[in-house]
C-alpha atoms as a PDB file:
ATOM      1  CA  UNK A   1       9.424   1.739  -1.873  1.00  0.00           C
ATOM      2  CA  UNK A   2       7.317   0.453  -4.757  1.00  0.00           C
ATOM      3  CA  UNK A   3       5.385   2.800  -7.009  1.00  0.00           C
ATOM      4  CA  UNK A   4       2.328   1.797  -8.959  1.00  0.00           C
ATOM      5  CA  UNK A   5      -0.424   3.408 -10.964  1.00  0.00           C
ATOM      6  CA  UNK A   6      -3.185   4.456  -8.581  1.00  0.00           C
ATOM      7  CA  UNK A   7      -5.488   6.459 -10.817  1.00  0.00           C
ATOM      8  CA  UNK A   8      -5.887   7.151 -14.521  1.00  0.00           C
ATOM      9  CA  UNK A   9      -7.873  10.146 -15.836  1.00  0.00           C
ATOM     10  CA  UNK A  10      -8.707  10.441 -19.546  1.00  0.00           C
ATOM     11  CA  UNK A  11     -10.056  13.672 -21.094  1.00  0.00           C
ATOM     12  CA  UNK A  12     -13.105  13.221 -23.345  1.00  0.00           C
ATOM     13  CA  UNK A  13     -15.558  15.447 -25.215  1.00  0.00           C
ATOM     14  CA  UNK A  14     -18.757  13.382 -24.843  1.00  0.00           C
ATOM     15  CA  UNK A  15     -19.053  11.684 -21.465  1.00  0.00           C
ATOM     16  CA  UNK A  16     -21.901   9.323 -22.381  1.00  0.00           C
ATOM     17  CA  UNK A  17     -20.216   8.141 -25.575  1.00  0.00           C
ATOM     18  CA  UNK A  18     -16.897   7.620 -23.754  1.00  0.00           C
ATOM     19  CA  UNK A  19     -18.512   5.721 -20.855  1.00  0.00           C
ATOM     20  CA  UNK A  20     -20.243   3.426 -23.355  1.00  0.00           C
ATOM     21  CA  UNK A  21     -16.973   2.823 -25.243  1.00  0.00           C
ATOM     22  CA  UNK A  22     -14.928   1.968 -22.138  1.00  0.00           C
ATOM     23  CA  UNK A  23     -17.644  -0.131 -20.479  1.00  0.00           C
ATOM     24  CA  UNK A  24     -18.568  -2.072 -23.614  1.00  0.00           C
ATOM     25  CA  UNK A  25     -15.079  -2.367 -25.071  1.00  0.00           C
ATOM     26  CA  UNK A  26     -13.124  -3.108 -21.897  1.00  0.00           C
ATOM     27  CA  UNK A  27     -15.831  -4.659 -19.701  1.00  0.00           C
ATOM     28  CA  UNK A  28     -15.603  -1.859 -17.122  1.00  0.00           C
ATOM     29  CA  UNK A  29     -18.510  -0.643 -14.997  1.00  0.00           C
ATOM     30  CA  UNK A  30     -19.781   2.921 -14.660  1.00  0.00           C
ATOM     31  CA  UNK A  31     -19.633   3.279 -10.881  1.00  0.00           C
ATOM     32  CA  UNK A  32     -20.392   7.020 -10.835  1.00  0.00           C
ATOM     33  CA  UNK A  33     -21.406   9.344 -13.682  1.00  0.00           C
ATOM     34  CA  UNK A  34     -22.189  13.060 -13.362  1.00  0.00           C
ATOM     35  CA  UNK A  35     -22.955  15.029 -16.512  1.00  0.00           C
ATOM     36  CA  UNK A  36     -23.105  18.184 -14.364  1.00  0.00           C
ATOM     37  CA  UNK A  37     -19.476  17.783 -13.300  1.00  0.00           C
ATOM     38  CA  UNK A  38     -18.350  16.107 -16.530  1.00  0.00           C
ATOM     39  CA  UNK A  39     -16.983  13.148 -14.546  1.00  0.00           C
ATOM     40  CA  UNK A  40     -17.303   9.369 -14.621  1.00  0.00           C
ATOM     41  CA  UNK A  41     -15.561   6.871 -12.353  1.00  0.00           C
ATOM     42  CA  UNK A  42     -15.160   3.411 -13.809  1.00  0.00           C
ATOM     43  CA  UNK A  43     -14.700   0.116 -11.983  1.00  0.00           C
ATOM     44  CA  UNK A  44     -13.365  -3.244 -13.017  1.00  0.00           C
ATOM     45  CA  UNK A  45      -9.714  -2.264 -13.516  1.00  0.00           C
ATOM     46  CA  UNK A  46      -6.692  -2.868 -11.247  1.00  0.00           C
ATOM     47  CA  UNK A  47      -6.524   0.904 -10.672  1.00  0.00           C
ATOM     48  CA  UNK A  48      -8.842   3.851 -10.287  1.00  0.00           C
ATOM     49  CA  UNK A  49     -10.010   5.065 -13.689  1.00  0.00           C
ATOM     50  CA  UNK A  50     -12.008   8.186 -14.587  1.00  0.00           C
ATOM     51  CA  UNK A  51     -13.207  10.029 -17.666  1.00  0.00           C
ATOM     52  CA  UNK A  52     -13.662  13.796 -17.561  1.00  0.00           C
ATOM     53  CA  UNK A  53     -14.811  16.664 -19.732  1.00  0.00           C
ATOM     54  CA  UNK A  54     -12.064  19.317 -19.624  1.00  0.00           C
ATOM     55  CA  UNK A  55     -12.912  22.504 -17.761  1.00  0.00           C
ATOM     56  CA  UNK A  56     -15.689  21.024 -15.607  1.00  0.00           C
ATOM     57  CA  UNK A  57     -13.552  20.292 -12.550  1.00  0.00           C
ATOM     58  CA  UNK A  58     -11.657  17.142 -13.471  1.00  0.00           C
ATOM     59  CA  UNK A  59      -8.740  18.850 -15.198  1.00  0.00           C
ATOM     60  CA  UNK A  60      -7.821  20.671 -18.374  1.00  0.00           C
ATOM     61  CA  UNK A  61      -6.359  17.897 -20.531  1.00  0.00           C
ATOM     62  CA  UNK A  62      -6.938  17.903 -24.265  1.00  0.00           C
ATOM     63  CA  UNK A  63      -8.745  14.876 -25.737  1.00  0.00           C
ATOM     64  CA  UNK A  64      -6.734  13.055 -28.386  1.00  0.00           C
ATOM     65  CA  UNK A  65      -3.272  13.901 -27.030  1.00  0.00           C
ATOM     66  CA  UNK A  66      -0.548  11.269 -27.164  1.00  0.00           C
ATOM     67  CA  UNK A  67      -0.836   8.569 -24.560  1.00  0.00           C
ATOM     68  CA  UNK A  68       1.486   8.720 -21.587  1.00  0.00           C
ATOM     69  CA  UNK A  69       0.508   5.425 -20.007  1.00  0.00           C
ATOM     70  CA  UNK A  70       0.211   1.761 -20.944  1.00  0.00           C
ATOM     71  CA  UNK A  71      -2.412  -0.644 -19.640  1.00  0.00           C
ATOM     72  CA  UNK A  72      -1.930  -4.417 -19.355  1.00  0.00           C
ATOM     73  CA  UNK A  73      -4.186  -7.363 -20.244  1.00  0.00           C
ATOM     74  CA  UNK A  74      -3.871 -11.144 -20.119  1.00  0.00           C
ATOM     75  CA  UNK A  75      -5.553 -11.930 -23.448  1.00  0.00           C
ATOM     76  CA  UNK A  76      -5.022  -9.403 -26.263  1.00  0.00           C
ATOM     77  CA  UNK A  77      -6.963 -11.484 -28.800  1.00  0.00           C
ATOM     78  CA  UNK A  78     -10.091 -11.570 -26.617  1.00  0.00           C
ATOM     79  CA  UNK A  79      -9.806  -7.830 -26.020  1.00  0.00           C
ATOM     80  CA  UNK A  80      -9.404  -7.208 -29.759  1.00  0.00           C
ATOM     81  CA  UNK A  81     -12.589  -9.207 -30.392  1.00  0.00           C
ATOM     82  CA  UNK A  82     -14.483  -7.017 -27.898  1.00  0.00           C
ATOM     83  CA  UNK A  83     -13.172  -3.782 -29.400  1.00  0.00           C
ATOM     84  CA  UNK A  84     -13.529  -4.621 -33.107  1.00  0.00           C
ATOM     85  CA  UNK A  85     -17.298  -3.909 -33.247  1.00  0.00           C
ATOM     86  CA  UNK A  86     -16.695  -0.506 -31.601  1.00  0.00           C
ATOM     87  CA  UNK A  87     -13.783   0.844 -33.632  1.00  0.00           C
ATOM     88  CA  UNK A  88     -11.737   0.168 -36.734  1.00  0.00           C
ATOM     89  CA  UNK A  89      -8.562   1.374 -35.010  1.00  0.00           C
ATOM     90  CA  UNK A  90      -7.855  -1.649 -32.790  1.00  0.00           C
ATOM     91  CA  UNK A  91      -4.865  -3.741 -33.838  1.00  0.00           C
ATOM     92  CA  UNK A  92      -2.351  -6.060 -32.199  1.00  0.00           C
ATOM     93  CA  UNK A  93       1.246  -4.938 -32.663  1.00  0.00           C
ATOM     94  CA  UNK A  94       4.438  -6.982 -32.443  1.00  0.00           C
ATOM     95  CA  UNK A  95       6.871  -4.487 -30.890  1.00  0.00           C
ATOM     96  CA  UNK A  96      10.586  -4.270 -31.709  1.00  0.00           C
ATOM     97  CA  UNK A  97      11.534  -5.360 -28.167  1.00  0.00           C
ATOM     98  CA  UNK A  98       9.637  -8.655 -28.581  1.00  0.00           C
ATOM     99  CA  UNK A  99       6.600  -7.551 -26.581  1.00  0.00           C
ATOM    100  CA  UNK A 100       3.044  -7.483 -27.924  1.00  0.00           C
ATOM    101  CA  UNK A 101       0.451  -4.768 -27.508  1.00  0.00           C
ATOM    102  CA  UNK A 102      -2.997  -3.813 -28.649  1.00  0.00           C
ATOM    103  CA  UNK A 103      -3.204  -0.228 -29.902  1.00  0.00           C
ATOM    104  CA  UNK A 104      -6.598   1.475 -30.163  1.00  0.00           C
ATOM    105  CA  UNK A 105      -8.059   4.972 -30.246  1.00  0.00           C
ATOM    106  CA  UNK A 106     -11.172   5.839 -28.261  1.00  0.00           C
ATOM    107  CA  UNK A 107     -13.966   7.958 -29.797  1.00  0.00           C
ATOM    108  CA  UNK A 108     -12.070  11.171 -28.892  1.00  0.00           C
ATOM    109  CA  UNK A 109      -8.823  10.031 -30.506  1.00  0.00           C
ATOM    110  CA  UNK A 110      -7.087   9.219 -27.208  1.00  0.00           C
ATOM    111  CA  UNK A 111      -4.494   6.583 -28.075  1.00  0.00           C
ATOM    112  CA  UNK A 112      -4.421   3.571 -25.766  1.00  0.00           C
ATOM    113  CA  UNK A 113      -1.741   0.891 -25.688  1.00  0.00           C
ATOM    114  CA  UNK A 114      -2.548  -2.305 -23.841  1.00  0.00           C
ATOM    115  CA  UNK A 115       0.530  -4.456 -23.280  1.00  0.00           C
ATOM    116  CA  UNK A 116       0.331  -8.243 -23.092  1.00  0.00           C
ATOM    117  CA  UNK A 117       0.840  -9.183 -19.460  1.00  0.00           C
ATOM    118  CA  UNK A 118       3.821 -11.532 -19.158  1.00  0.00           C
END
């Protein structure tokens, strides 16, 4: 049996602002957005990805908590160039184990780590 990441949900406070950040910064698409339900489904990733406003049906997570997932990308430098106009928090990190990652915080303070795909 092989396990993989099927779906990623991220709690946010302002759905429109978060959708803009993820679509502009990561090149994702807003496939479905409902302000009424506080929910947005994003396309363009290798997994299902959604943003939700806590307490509106998507879950009760707290925006800005520590990350508990890592994403992967082929070109960290190109991703950094896309994110730099959107946030001052994006930076490439050389990790102690020899791997490289791009660490960034979204507008709600959710920490994201994007690992360089080997």
